[in-house]
Protein backbone atom coordinates (compact mmCIF):
# COMPACT_ATOMS: atom_id res chain seq x y z
CA UNK A 1 2.87 21.75 0.58
CA UNK A 2 0.61 18.77 0.73
CA UNK A 3 2.85 16.74 -0.63
CA UNK A 4 5.88 18.19 1.75
CA UNK A 5 4.07 17.59 4.75
CA UNK A 6 3.31 13.93 3.63
CA UNK A 7 6.83 13.26 2.97
CA UNK A 8 8.01 14.71 6.24
CA UNK A 9 5.33 12.75 8.11
CA UNK A 10 5.89 9.59 6.29
CA UNK A 11 9.94 9.99 7.26
CA UNK A 12 8.72 10.52 10.88
CA UNK A 13 6.68 7.66 10.86
CA UNK A 14 9.28 4.92 9.02
CA UNK A 15 11.19 6.44 11.82
CA UNK A 16 9.02 5.09 14.37
CA UNK A 17 8.90 1.95 12.65
CA UNK A 18 12.55 1.50 13.50
CA UNK A 19 11.98 2.75 16.83
CA UNK A 20 9.90 -0.26 17.38
CA UNK A 21 12.34 -2.55 16.10
CA UNK A 22 14.91 -1.05 18.95
CA UNK A 23 11.73 -1.50 21.39
CA UNK A 24 11.68 -5.16 20.81
CA UNK A 25 15.26 -5.74 20.83
CA UNK A 26 15.67 -4.23 24.42
CA UNK A 27 13.81 -7.23 25.46
CA UNK A 28 17.01 -8.55 25.33
CA UNK A 29 18.99 -5.93 26.80
CA UNK A 30 21.86 -3.99 24.90
CA UNK A 31 23.14 -6.76 23.00
CA UNK A 32 19.43 -7.36 21.65
CA UNK A 33 19.23 -3.70 20.31
CA UNK A 34 22.28 -3.93 18.50
CA UNK A 35 20.83 -6.95 16.65
CA UNK A 36 17.81 -5.50 15.92
CA UNK A 37 19.24 -2.15 14.66
CA UNK A 38 21.04 -4.11 12.15
CA UNK A 39 18.02 -6.29 11.35
CA UNK A 40 15.95 -3.28 10.95
CA UNK A 41 18.24 -1.83 8.53
CA UNK A 42 18.74 -5.07 6.58
CA UNK A 43 15.01 -5.26 6.32
CA UNK A 44 14.68 -1.93 5.02
CA UNK A 45 17.70 -2.57 2.58
CA UNK A 46 15.87 -5.85 1.24
CA UNK A 47 12.42 -3.93 1.00
CA UNK A 48 14.09 -1.23 -1.42
CA UNK A 49 15.52 -3.67 -3.84
CA UNK A 50 12.88 -6.38 -3.69
CA UNK A 51 9.63 -5.50 -2.04
CA UNK A 52 8.13 -5.00 -5.53
CA UNK A 53 9.17 -8.45 -6.47
CA UNK A 54 7.92 -10.01 -3.04
CA UNK A 55 4.16 -8.18 -3.40
CA UNK A 56 3.90 -9.08 -7.17
CA UNK A 57 4.93 -12.81 -6.18
CA UNK A 58 2.65 -13.16 -3.26
CA UNK A 59 -0.51 -11.98 -5.46
CA UNK A 60 0.82 -14.73 -8.34
CA UNK A 61 0.96 -11.80 -10.49
CA UNK A 62 1.17 -12.28 -14.29
CA UNK A 63 2.84 -9.98 -16.75
CA UNK A 64 0.81 -8.85 -20.04
CA UNK A 65 2.10 -6.92 -22.82
CA UNK A 66 0.50 -5.13 -26.02
CA UNK A 67 0.35 -8.68 -27.93
CA UNK A 68 -1.40 -10.47 -25.11
CA UNK A 69 -4.61 -11.25 -26.41
CA UNK A 70 -7.81 -10.13 -25.04
CA UNK A 71 -8.31 -8.09 -21.43
CA UNK A 72 -4.89 -8.36 -21.08
CA UNK A 73 -3.74 -6.39 -24.02
CA UNK A 74 -6.49 -3.92 -23.63
CA UNK A 75 -5.29 -3.32 -20.20
CA UNK A 76 -1.84 -2.77 -21.41
CA UNK A 77 -2.44 -0.38 -23.98
CA UNK A 78 -4.73 1.66 -21.38
CA UNK A 79 -1.85 1.61 -19.39
CA UNK A 80 0.15 2.81 -21.81
CA UNK A 81 -2.05 5.66 -22.85
CA UNK A 82 -2.38 7.19 -19.51
CA UNK A 83 1.42 7.04 -18.26
CA UNK A 84 2.24 9.10 -21.59
CA UNK A 85 -0.62 11.55 -20.32
CA UNK A 86 1.54 11.51 -17.24
CA UNK A 87 4.94 12.10 -18.46
CA UNK A 88 6.09 8.73 -16.94
CA UNK A 89 8.06 5.58 -17.93
CA UNK A 90 6.11 2.37 -18.98
CA UNK A 91 5.21 0.31 -15.65
CA UNK A 92 5.06 -3.55 -16.08
CA UNK A 93 1.53 -4.48 -16.51
CA UNK A 94 0.03 -7.43 -14.34
CA UNK A 95 -3.03 -9.41 -13.94
CA UNK A 96 -3.55 -11.11 -10.83
CA UNK A 97 -5.71 -14.27 -10.39
CA UNK A 98 -7.93 -13.10 -7.60
CA UNK A 99 -11.47 -12.69 -7.59
CA UNK A 100 -11.63 -10.02 -5.07
CA UNK A 101 -11.65 -7.08 -7.15
CA UNK A 102 -8.67 -4.83 -6.69
CA UNK A 103 -5.55 -3.17 -7.98
CA UNK A 104 -2.27 -1.92 -6.67
CA UNK A 105 1.25 -0.61 -8.12
CA UNK A 106 4.61 -1.34 -6.53
CA UNK A 107 8.39 -0.66 -6.92
CA UNK A 108 10.93 1.96 -5.98
CA UNK A 109 10.81 4.10 -8.54
CA UNK A 110 8.90 4.98 -11.88
CA UNK A 111 11.79 3.01 -14.16
CA UNK A 112 11.38 0.34 -12.16
CA UNK A 113 7.56 -0.07 -11.30
CA UNK A 114 4.53 -2.33 -11.62
CA UNK A 115 0.53 -1.70 -11.87
CA UNK A 116 -1.04 -4.99 -11.12
CA UNK A 117 -5.31 -5.31 -11.32
CA UNK A 118 -7.10 -8.58 -10.48
CA UNK A 119 -9.15 -10.71 -12.48
CA UNK A 120 -11.96 -9.62 -10.33
CA UNK A 121 -11.83 -5.88 -11.15
CA UNK A 122 -10.96 -6.78 -14.94
CA UNK A 123 -14.76 -8.01 -14.99
CA UNK A 124 -16.38 -5.61 -12.45
CA UNK A 125 -15.32 -2.13 -13.77
CA UNK A 126 -16.47 -0.29 -17.00
CA UNK A 127 -13.81 1.55 -19.48
CA UNK A 128 -13.84 4.83 -17.54
CA UNK A 129 -13.87 3.34 -13.87
CA UNK A 130 -10.67 0.79 -14.75
CA UNK A 131 -9.03 4.41 -16.40
CA UNK A 132 -9.99 5.97 -12.94
CA UNK A 133 -8.27 3.28 -10.80
CA UNK A 134 -5.19 3.25 -13.33
CA UNK A 135 -4.75 6.52 -13.03
CA UNK A 136 -4.58 6.45 -9.27
CA UNK A 137 -1.92 3.46 -9.72
CA UNK A 138 0.05 5.73 -11.75
CA UNK A 139 -0.27 8.74 -9.26
CA UNK A 140 1.07 6.55 -6.52
CA UNK A 141 3.78 5.87 -8.72
CA UNK A 142 4.62 9.11 -9.92
CA UNK A 143 4.53 10.58 -6.25
CA UNK A 144 6.88 7.53 -5.34
CA UNK A 145 4.52 6.40 -2.74
CA UNK A 146 5.25 3.30 -3.75
CA UNK A 147 8.39 2.75 -2.41
CA UNK A 148 7.44 4.08 0.86
CA UNK A 149 4.49 2.04 0.96
CA UNK A 150 6.15 -1.38 -0.17
CA UNK A 151 9.05 -0.52 2.83
CA UNK A 152 6.39 0.36 5.65
CA UNK A 153 4.62 -2.85 4.30
CA UNK A 154 7.70 -4.92 4.62
CA UNK A 155 9.00 -3.55 7.53
CA UNK A 156 5.77 -3.71 9.56
CA UNK A 157 5.24 -7.37 8.84
CA UNK A 158 8.82 -8.39 9.92
CA UNK A 159 8.51 -6.18 12.94
CA UNK A 160 5.26 -8.09 13.63
CA UNK A 161 6.73 -11.33 12.94
CA UNK A 162 9.83 -10.50 15.22
CA UNK A 163 7.52 -9.60 18.28
CA UNK A 164 5.57 -12.81 17.78
CA UNK A 165 8.89 -14.52 18.25
CA UNK A 166 9.95 -12.43 21.11
CA UNK A 167 6.61 -13.27 22.93
CA UNK A 168 6.95 -17.12 22.56
CA UNK A 169 10.71 -17.56 22.57
CA UNK A 170 12.61 -14.25 24.31
CA UNK A 171 12.61 -12.21 27.37
CA UNK A 172 13.88 -13.63 30.22
CA UNK A 173 16.24 -11.84 33.30
CA UNK A 174 18.98 -14.46 32.64
CA UNK A 175 19.64 -13.10 29.04
CA UNK A 176 20.23 -9.65 30.24
CA UNK A 177 17.01 -8.43 29.31
CA UNK A 178 14.36 -6.53 31.37
CA UNK A 179 11.08 -8.43 31.67
CA UNK A 180 9.12 -5.23 31.78
CA UNK A 181 10.10 -4.23 28.77
CA UNK A 182 10.12 -7.38 26.88
CA UNK A 183 6.14 -7.63 27.85
CA UNK A 184 5.46 -4.27 26.51
CA UNK A 185 7.68 -4.76 23.42
CA UNK A 186 5.91 -7.85 22.34
CA UNK A 187 2.38 -6.62 22.98
CA UNK A 188 2.55 -3.30 21.91
CA UNK A 189 5.17 -3.40 18.92
CA UNK A 190 2.41 -5.24 16.47
CA UNK A 191 0.04 -2.80 17.23
CA UNK A 192 2.13 0.06 16.84
CA UNK A 193 3.61 -1.32 13.64
CA UNK A 194 0.00 -1.48 12.29
CA UNK A 195 -0.86 2.23 13.53
CA UNK A 196 2.33 3.61 11.88
CA UNK A 197 1.96 2.04 8.61
CA UNK A 198 -1.97 2.80 8.64
CA UNK A 199 -0.94 6.50 8.91
CA UNK A 200 1.82 6.39 6.39
CA UNK A 201 -0.81 5.03 3.79
CA UNK A 202 -3.82 6.89 4.75
CA UNK A 203 -1.64 10.36 4.21
CA UNK A 204 -0.91 9.49 0.74
CA UNK A 205 -4.55 8.15 -0.65
CA UNK A 206 -6.13 11.72 -1.08
CA UNK A 207 -3.30 12.83 -3.26
CA UNK A 208 -3.31 10.13 -5.34
CA UNK A 209 -7.10 10.33 -5.76
CA UNK A 210 -6.32 13.91 -6.84
CA UNK A 211 -3.55 13.35 -9.37
CA UNK A 212 -4.90 10.23 -10.28
CA UNK A 213 -8.18 11.95 -11.74
CA UNK A 214 -6.24 14.53 -13.40
CA UNK A 215 -4.07 11.57 -15.28
CA UNK A 216 -7.42 10.22 -15.90
CA UNK A 217 -9.10 13.33 -17.33
CA UNK A 218 -11.93 13.48 -15.00
CA UNK A 219 -12.86 12.01 -11.30
CA UNK A 220 -16.27 10.71 -12.41
CA UNK A 221 -14.72 7.14 -13.33
CA UNK A 222 -12.64 7.04 -9.88
CA UNK A 223 -15.54 8.29 -8.05
CA UNK A 224 -17.80 5.27 -9.67
CA UNK A 225 -14.81 2.72 -9.48
CA UNK A 226 -14.06 3.50 -5.64
CA UNK A 227 -17.80 2.61 -4.69
CA UNK A 228 -17.99 -0.59 -6.44
CA UNK A 229 -14.80 -1.66 -5.01
CA UNK A 230 -16.02 -0.76 -1.71
CA UNK A 231 -18.80 -2.89 -1.77
CA UNK A 232 -17.36 -5.78 -3.50
CA UNK A 233 -14.60 -6.10 -1.31
CA UNK A 234 -16.75 -6.59 1.59
CA UNK A 235 -18.60 -9.35 -0.27
CA UNK A 236 -15.49 -10.76 -1.43
CA UNK A 237 -12.34 -11.22 0.62
CA UNK A 238 -9.03 -11.24 -0.90
CA UNK A 239 -7.03 -14.41 -0.41
CA UNK A 240 -3.95 -12.58 0.10
CA UNK A 241 -0.86 -14.78 1.90
CA UNK A 242 0.50 -11.20 3.38
CA UNK A 243 -2.05 -8.97 5.15
CA UNK A 244 0.89 -6.52 5.85
CA UNK A 245 0.54 -5.40 2.14
CA UNK A 246 -2.98 -4.41 2.59
CA UNK A 247 -2.08 -0.69 2.33
CA UNK A 248 -0.59 -1.41 -1.04
CA UNK A 249 -4.40 -1.75 -2.58
CA UNK A 250 -6.57 0.80 -3.64
CA UNK A 251 -9.38 0.00 -1.49
CA UNK A 252 -9.28 -1.69 1.99
CA UNK A 253 -9.21 -5.56 1.04
CA UNK A 254 -11.64 -6.71 3.86
CA UNK A 255 -10.64 -10.32 5.37
CA UNK A 256 -14.39 -11.08 6.20
CA UNK A 257 -14.58 -9.34 9.38
CA UNK A 258 -15.34 -5.63 10.47
CA UNK A 259 -12.15 -3.39 10.38
CA UNK A 260 -11.95 -0.44 13.21
CA UNK A 261 -11.31 3.24 11.33
CA UNK A 262 -8.11 3.14 13.78
CA UNK A 263 -6.32 0.23 11.88
CA UNK A 264 -7.73 0.71 8.49
CA UNK A 265 -4.92 1.59 6.08
CA UNK A 266 -6.99 3.85 3.72
CA UNK A 267 -9.21 6.73 4.72
CA UNK A 268 -12.72 6.36 4.35
CA UNK A 269 -14.34 5.64 0.75
CA UNK A 270 -16.94 8.23 1.50
CA UNK A 271 -14.25 10.78 2.23
CA UNK A 272 -12.58 10.16 -0.63
CA UNK A 273 -15.69 10.29 -2.76
CA UNK A 274 -16.67 13.30 -1.32
CA UNK A 275 -13.32 15.01 -2.02
CA UNK A 276 -13.26 13.72 -5.67
CA UNK A 277 -16.95 15.41 -6.07
CA UNK A 278 -15.47 18.76 -4.67
CA UNK A 279 -12.85 18.32 -7.29
CA UNK A 280 -15.36 17.56 -9.96
CA UNK A 281 -17.47 20.79 -8.79
CA UNK A 282 -14.20 22.84 -8.99
CA UNK A 283 -13.38 22.14 -12.54
CA UNK A 284 -16.64 22.69 -13.70
CA UNK A 285 -16.85 25.96 -11.75
CA UNK A 286 -13.42 26.85 -13.42
CA UNK A 287 -14.47 26.10 -16.72
CA UNK A 288 -17.41 28.34 -16.66
């Protein structure tokens, strides 16, 4: 029931993103709305087929395999073990050359997926914690959150850029547009895109935490990992050239400044930990 509600809400929110495209296009009148509809649909198609490559390329992710020496090969084998426990195809496994400790998953389907971990996370997390993180990312893949998150990130990023262009170059009465609508579109569309993207991401993190703990065999590793990642993400900001992709990561990649709960792409970490601890307590009581 929770997954159905999440999927239904996500469909509504993705529709809202397309609605914002039309709002921006309406600044230029009916012709602008038509162009915006075509542009928005094209963005969705590009996001469906190429969002995983865009995300991995932006993070300079390097694929590793079972024969990769050292930590890379160990990470690959860990992912292989856990994905078998989850009954999933083997995703690509990548390491990103970033000091900020974090991880994300991407791909339009379980058979076209990738799990990426930063070098900072590889150094920071112990074995149990890394298993919890990988379990969480595999859960996103299994639940097909990765496709939805990547589309939301891509569409929101393009929409914000389009609204910025509208602000600087568009919206005049001579072009048949309504200047009042133009101002509303140019100011509110980027804010609306961020809010909608955040709502899509937040609604899915709790399910991924729960299912990831099941895949890992215990919530304890993920609890400890979230605690560490929350602290170090605030100290070491992610050098991410595309902030629109922040919703893909396991914890919010802080940019060296406070982020209000309204715009956060993740639920509060303390709430996620409480939920995981409740899950662990129920498992213990159920086993007694």
